Amino acid sequence: MEIKNHQNGLTSIKDSGDVNISNSKWDFIFLDPILNDCKIYFIGWRLDFVYKNEINNNLESLIEDLSCKVFIDKDNHMKLCLRARELDRKILSVLWRFYEYPSLIFLKKESDEVKLISEFETKIKKIKLPNGFCHLYKMDPESDVIWIDSTNDFVFSKF
């Protein structure tokens, strides 16, 4: 994997193939102590119909298994925003694969949840909150790159 630190808290991580966040090589992010007390949100925009059969058979149950609260679910799951019960990387990796523009958001303060939902209703990229915020996302067509945008108080030990 190739890690590049860009400007203003932006980091890109290029993998050798399609990103599978349940793979142990991503443990350096998902097992980092900085995430211990965070609320976890999954945001998906535009289903990738390459996986149409899997989506038709599994999406509803995956959402139900993962979410403790669904905030946005529009156009038959084309735009989805939910808070996860826990960091279940197996389910999250499947949802990640199903969407053209998937995101994971980690918030230190649950009080910022309303701002997050409001931001997502108007845009899918460059979501910003003041502090205690980390946004992992994929930009099409870079299926082998995860972008990490975080505030200054959200620093991973690996980079």
C-alpha atoms as a PDB file:
ATOM      1  CA  MET A   1       0.000   0.000   0.000  1.00  0.00           C
ATOM      2  CA  GLU A   2       1.149   3.492  -0.803  1.00  0.00           C
ATOM      3  CA  ILE A   3       0.306   6.207   1.746  1.00  0.00           C
ATOM      4  CA  LYS A   4       0.548   9.869   0.726  1.00  0.00           C
ATOM      5  CA  ASN A   5      -0.043  12.791   3.038  1.00  0.00           C
ATOM      6  CA  HIS A   6      -1.446  15.746   1.145  1.00  0.00           C
ATOM      7  CA  GLN A   7      -2.419  19.097   2.615  1.00  0.00           C
ATOM      8  CA  ASN A   8      -4.824  20.057   5.407  1.00  0.00           C
ATOM      9  CA  GLY A   9      -5.361  16.611   6.958  1.00  0.00           C
ATOM     10  CA  LEU A  10      -5.941  14.802   3.648  1.00  0.00           C
ATOM     11  CA  THR A  11      -4.305  11.403   3.116  1.00  0.00           C
ATOM     12  CA  SER A  12      -4.641   8.920   0.277  1.00  0.00           C
ATOM     13  CA  ILE A  13      -3.938   5.206   0.541  1.00  0.00           C
ATOM     14  CA  LYS A  14      -3.515   3.291  -2.686  1.00  0.00           C
ATOM     15  CA  ASP A  15      -4.069  -0.440  -2.509  1.00  0.00           C
ATOM     16  CA  SER A  16      -2.881  -3.069  -4.979  1.00  0.00           C
ATOM     17  CA  GLY A  17      -6.471  -3.884  -6.035  1.00  0.00           C
ATOM     18  CA  ASP A  18     -10.054  -3.058  -5.145  1.00  0.00           C
ATOM     19  CA  VAL A  19     -10.305  -1.948  -1.538  1.00  0.00           C
ATOM     20  CA  ASN A  20     -11.633  -4.534   0.919  1.00  0.00           C
ATOM     21  CA  ILE A  21     -11.744  -2.822   4.315  1.00  0.00           C
ATOM     22  CA  SER A  22     -12.338  -6.124   6.111  1.00  0.00           C
ATOM     23  CA  ASN A  23      -8.858  -7.286   5.049  1.00  0.00           C
ATOM     24  CA  SER A  24      -6.304  -7.290   7.883  1.00  0.00           C
ATOM     25  CA  LYS A  25      -3.971  -4.967   5.981  1.00  0.00           C
ATOM     26  CA  TRP A  26      -6.399  -2.161   6.892  1.00  0.00           C
ATOM     27  CA  ASP A  27      -6.132  -2.888  10.640  1.00  0.00           C
ATOM     28  CA  PHE A  28      -3.745   0.034  11.078  1.00  0.00           C
ATOM     29  CA  ILE A  29      -6.740   2.311  10.500  1.00  0.00           C
ATOM     30  CA  PHE A  30      -9.658   0.395  11.976  1.00  0.00           C
ATOM     31  CA  LEU A  31      -7.864  -0.825  15.103  1.00  0.00           C
ATOM     32  CA  ASP A  32      -6.299   2.550  15.858  1.00  0.00           C
ATOM     33  CA  PRO A  33      -7.222   3.679  19.414  1.00  0.00           C
ATOM     34  CA  ILE A  34      -8.381   7.049  18.043  1.00  0.00           C
ATOM     35  CA  LEU A  35     -11.583   5.306  16.857  1.00  0.00           C
ATOM     36  CA  ASN A  36     -12.453   3.699  20.212  1.00  0.00           C
ATOM     37  CA  ASP A  37     -15.052   6.220  21.353  1.00  0.00           C
ATOM     38  CA  CYS A  38     -16.328   7.377  17.978  1.00  0.00           C
ATOM     39  CA  LYS A  39     -19.778   7.089  16.492  1.00  0.00           C
ATOM     40  CA  ILE A  40     -19.611   5.367  13.094  1.00  0.00           C
ATOM     41  CA  TYR A  41     -21.654   6.366  10.070  1.00  0.00           C
ATOM     42  CA  PHE A  42     -21.917   4.766   6.664  1.00  0.00           C
ATOM     43  CA  ILE A  43     -22.861   6.949   3.732  1.00  0.00           C
ATOM     44  CA  GLY A  44     -23.526   5.520   0.305  1.00  0.00           C
ATOM     45  CA  TRP A  45     -24.411   7.341  -2.851  1.00  0.00           C
ATOM     46  CA  ARG A  46     -25.356   5.656  -6.115  1.00  0.00           C
ATOM     47  CA  LEU A  47     -25.563   1.886  -6.091  1.00  0.00           C
ATOM     48  CA  ASP A  48     -23.129   0.108  -8.388  1.00  0.00           C
ATOM     49  CA  PHE A  49     -25.333  -2.172 -10.462  1.00  0.00           C
ATOM     50  CA  VAL A  50     -22.406  -4.389 -11.395  1.00  0.00           C
ATOM     51  CA  TYR A  51     -23.515  -6.128  -8.186  1.00  0.00           C
ATOM     52  CA  LYS A  52     -27.251  -6.019  -9.005  1.00  0.00           C
ATOM     53  CA  ASN A  53     -28.039  -9.610  -7.973  1.00  0.00           C
ATOM     54  CA  GLU A  54     -26.104  -9.321  -4.701  1.00  0.00           C
ATOM     55  CA  ILE A  55     -27.725  -5.969  -3.995  1.00  0.00           C
ATOM     56  CA  ASN A  56     -31.220  -7.332  -4.641  1.00  0.00           C
ATOM     57  CA  ASN A  57     -30.586 -10.342  -2.400  1.00  0.00           C
ATOM     58  CA  ASN A  58     -28.622  -8.753   0.454  1.00  0.00           C
ATOM     59  CA  LEU A  59     -28.891  -4.980   0.783  1.00  0.00           C
ATOM     60  CA  GLU A  60     -31.986  -4.793   2.987  1.00  0.00           C
ATOM     61  CA  SER A  61     -30.665  -7.327   5.493  1.00  0.00           C
ATOM     62  CA  LEU A  62     -27.192  -5.723   5.557  1.00  0.00           C
ATOM     63  CA  ILE A  63     -28.697  -2.320   6.356  1.00  0.00           C
ATOM     64  CA  GLU A  64     -30.874  -3.847   9.058  1.00  0.00           C
ATOM     65  CA  ASP A  65     -27.969  -5.806  10.591  1.00  0.00           C
ATOM     66  CA  LEU A  66     -25.592  -2.850  10.627  1.00  0.00           C
ATOM     67  CA  SER A  67     -27.699   0.172  11.493  1.00  0.00           C
ATOM     68  CA  CYS A  68     -28.936   1.436  14.796  1.00  0.00           C
ATOM     69  CA  LYS A  69     -30.502   4.417  13.006  1.00  0.00           C
ATOM     70  CA  VAL A  70     -31.138   5.223   9.341  1.00  0.00           C
ATOM     71  CA  PHE A  71     -31.189   8.968   8.668  1.00  0.00           C
ATOM     72  CA  ILE A  72     -31.527   9.062   4.885  1.00  0.00           C
ATOM     73  CA  ASP A  73     -32.719   6.320   2.552  1.00  0.00           C
ATOM     74  CA  LYS A  74     -33.817   7.773  -0.775  1.00  0.00           C
ATOM     75  CA  ASP A  75     -34.681   6.361  -4.173  1.00  0.00           C
ATOM     76  CA  ASN A  76     -34.549   2.686  -3.221  1.00  0.00           C
ATOM     77  CA  HIS A  77     -31.224   3.006  -1.333  1.00  0.00           C
ATOM     78  CA  MET A  78     -29.490   5.130  -4.004  1.00  0.00           C
ATOM     79  CA  LYS A  79     -28.668   7.626  -1.255  1.00  0.00           C
ATOM     80  CA  LEU A  80     -28.152   6.132   2.194  1.00  0.00           C
ATOM     81  CA  CYS A  81     -26.926   7.496   5.511  1.00  0.00           C
ATOM     82  CA  LEU A  82     -26.963   5.425   8.684  1.00  0.00           C
ATOM     83  CA  ARG A  83     -25.298   5.184  12.066  1.00  0.00           C
ATOM     84  CA  ALA A  84     -23.748   1.784  12.659  1.00  0.00           C
ATOM     85  CA  ARG A  85     -24.259  -0.181  15.858  1.00  0.00           C
ATOM     86  CA  GLU A  86     -20.589  -1.113  15.794  1.00  0.00           C
ATOM     87  CA  LEU A  87     -17.575  -1.248  13.511  1.00  0.00           C
ATOM     88  CA  ASP A  88     -18.509  -4.456  11.681  1.00  0.00           C
ATOM     89  CA  ARG A  89     -15.937  -4.405   8.895  1.00  0.00           C
ATOM     90  CA  LYS A  90     -17.335  -7.481   7.176  1.00  0.00           C
ATOM     91  CA  ILE A  91     -20.740  -5.857   6.606  1.00  0.00           C
ATOM     92  CA  LEU A  92     -19.217  -2.442   5.947  1.00  0.00           C
ATOM     93  CA  SER A  93     -16.910  -3.874   3.276  1.00  0.00           C
ATOM     94  CA  VAL A  94     -19.894  -5.366   1.420  1.00  0.00           C
ATOM     95  CA  LEU A  95     -21.813  -2.082   1.593  1.00  0.00           C
ATOM     96  CA  TRP A  96     -18.623  -0.264   0.505  1.00  0.00           C
ATOM     97  CA  ARG A  97     -18.454  -2.462  -2.589  1.00  0.00           C
ATOM     98  CA  PHE A  98     -22.152  -1.937  -3.434  1.00  0.00           C
ATOM     99  CA  TYR A  99     -21.851   1.862  -3.762  1.00  0.00           C
ATOM    100  CA  GLU A 100     -20.022   3.956  -6.345  1.00  0.00           C
ATOM    101  CA  TYR A 101     -19.339   6.600  -3.690  1.00  0.00           C
ATOM    102  CA  PRO A 102     -19.108   4.986  -0.239  1.00  0.00           C
ATOM    103  CA  SER A 103     -17.970   6.801   2.884  1.00  0.00           C
ATOM    104  CA  LEU A 104     -17.304   6.047   6.507  1.00  0.00           C
ATOM    105  CA  ILE A 105     -17.530   8.898   8.966  1.00  0.00           C
ATOM    106  CA  PHE A 106     -16.153   8.766  12.495  1.00  0.00           C
ATOM    107  CA  LEU A 107     -17.403  11.404  14.931  1.00  0.00           C
ATOM    108  CA  LYS A 108     -16.033  11.980  18.395  1.00  0.00           C
ATOM    109  CA  LYS A 109     -19.072  13.995  19.464  1.00  0.00           C
ATOM    110  CA  GLU A 110     -22.556  12.671  18.841  1.00  0.00           C
ATOM    111  CA  SER A 111     -23.782  16.261  19.104  1.00  0.00           C
ATOM    112  CA  ASP A 112     -22.294  16.857  15.618  1.00  0.00           C
ATOM    113  CA  GLU A 113     -24.618  14.256  14.117  1.00  0.00           C
ATOM    114  CA  VAL A 114     -27.219  16.809  12.992  1.00  0.00           C
ATOM    115  CA  LYS A 115     -24.541  18.823  11.175  1.00  0.00           C
ATOM    116  CA  LEU A 116     -23.267  15.671   9.482  1.00  0.00           C
ATOM    117  CA  ILE A 117     -26.710  14.701   8.192  1.00  0.00           C
ATOM    118  CA  SER A 118     -27.314  18.243   6.981  1.00  0.00           C
ATOM    119  CA  GLU A 119     -23.964  18.243   5.137  1.00  0.00           C
ATOM    120  CA  PHE A 120     -24.701  14.919   3.475  1.00  0.00           C
ATOM    121  CA  GLU A 121     -28.128  16.045   2.292  1.00  0.00           C
ATOM    122  CA  THR A 122     -26.446  18.708   0.160  1.00  0.00           C
ATOM    123  CA  LYS A 123     -23.177  17.052  -0.926  1.00  0.00           C
ATOM    124  CA  ILE A 124     -21.305  13.761  -0.894  1.00  0.00           C
ATOM    125  CA  LYS A 125     -17.702  14.913  -0.984  1.00  0.00           C
ATOM    126  CA  LYS A 126     -15.839  17.409   1.129  1.00  0.00           C
ATOM    127  CA  ILE A 127     -18.118  16.979   4.116  1.00  0.00           C
ATOM    128  CA  LYS A 128     -16.638  19.149   6.853  1.00  0.00           C
ATOM    129  CA  LEU A 129     -17.257  19.521  10.544  1.00  0.00           C
ATOM    130  CA  PRO A 130     -15.289  21.589  13.064  1.00  0.00           C
ATOM    131  CA  ASN A 131     -13.506  19.025  15.282  1.00  0.00           C
ATOM    132  CA  GLY A 132     -13.415  15.331  16.090  1.00  0.00           C
ATOM    133  CA  PHE A 133     -14.207  14.268  12.566  1.00  0.00           C
ATOM    134  CA  CYS A 134     -12.741  11.726  10.154  1.00  0.00           C
ATOM    135  CA  HIS A 135     -14.086  10.928   6.671  1.00  0.00           C
ATOM    136  CA  LEU A 136     -12.918   7.848   4.717  1.00  0.00           C
ATOM    137  CA  TYR A 137     -14.190   7.730   1.175  1.00  0.00           C
ATOM    138  CA  LYS A 138     -13.696   6.443  -2.341  1.00  0.00           C
ATOM    139  CA  MET A 139     -13.855   8.595  -5.457  1.00  0.00           C
ATOM    140  CA  ASP A 140     -14.805   6.977  -8.720  1.00  0.00           C
ATOM    141  CA  PRO A 141     -12.916   5.765 -10.793  1.00  0.00           C
ATOM    142  CA  GLU A 142     -10.213   5.199  -8.156  1.00  0.00           C
ATOM    143  CA  SER A 143     -11.527   1.925  -6.756  1.00  0.00           C
ATOM    144  CA  ASP A 144      -8.067   1.142  -5.353  1.00  0.00           C
ATOM    145  CA  VAL A 145      -7.686   4.352  -3.302  1.00  0.00           C
ATOM    146  CA  ILE A 146      -9.166   5.361   0.034  1.00  0.00           C
ATOM    147  CA  TRP A 147      -9.091   9.040   0.872  1.00  0.00           C
ATOM    148  CA  ILE A 148      -8.991  10.103   4.508  1.00  0.00           C
ATOM    149  CA  ASP A 149      -9.936  13.647   5.426  1.00  0.00           C
ATOM    150  CA  SER A 150      -9.782  14.500   9.102  1.00  0.00           C
ATOM    151  CA  THR A 151      -9.582  17.411  11.485  1.00  0.00           C
ATOM    152  CA  ASN A 152      -6.317  18.255  13.269  1.00  0.00           C
ATOM    153  CA  ASP A 153      -7.428  16.554  16.488  1.00  0.00           C
ATOM    154  CA  PHE A 154      -8.004  13.267  14.667  1.00  0.00           C
ATOM    155  CA  VAL A 155      -4.564  11.821  13.967  1.00  0.00           C
ATOM    156  CA  PHE A 156      -3.937   8.156  13.217  1.00  0.00           C
ATOM    157  CA  SER A 157      -0.799   6.663  14.755  1.00  0.00           C
ATOM    158  CA  LYS A 158       0.343   5.125  11.431  1.00  0.00           C
ATOM    159  CA  PHE A 159       0.605   8.460   9.620  1.00  0.00           C
END
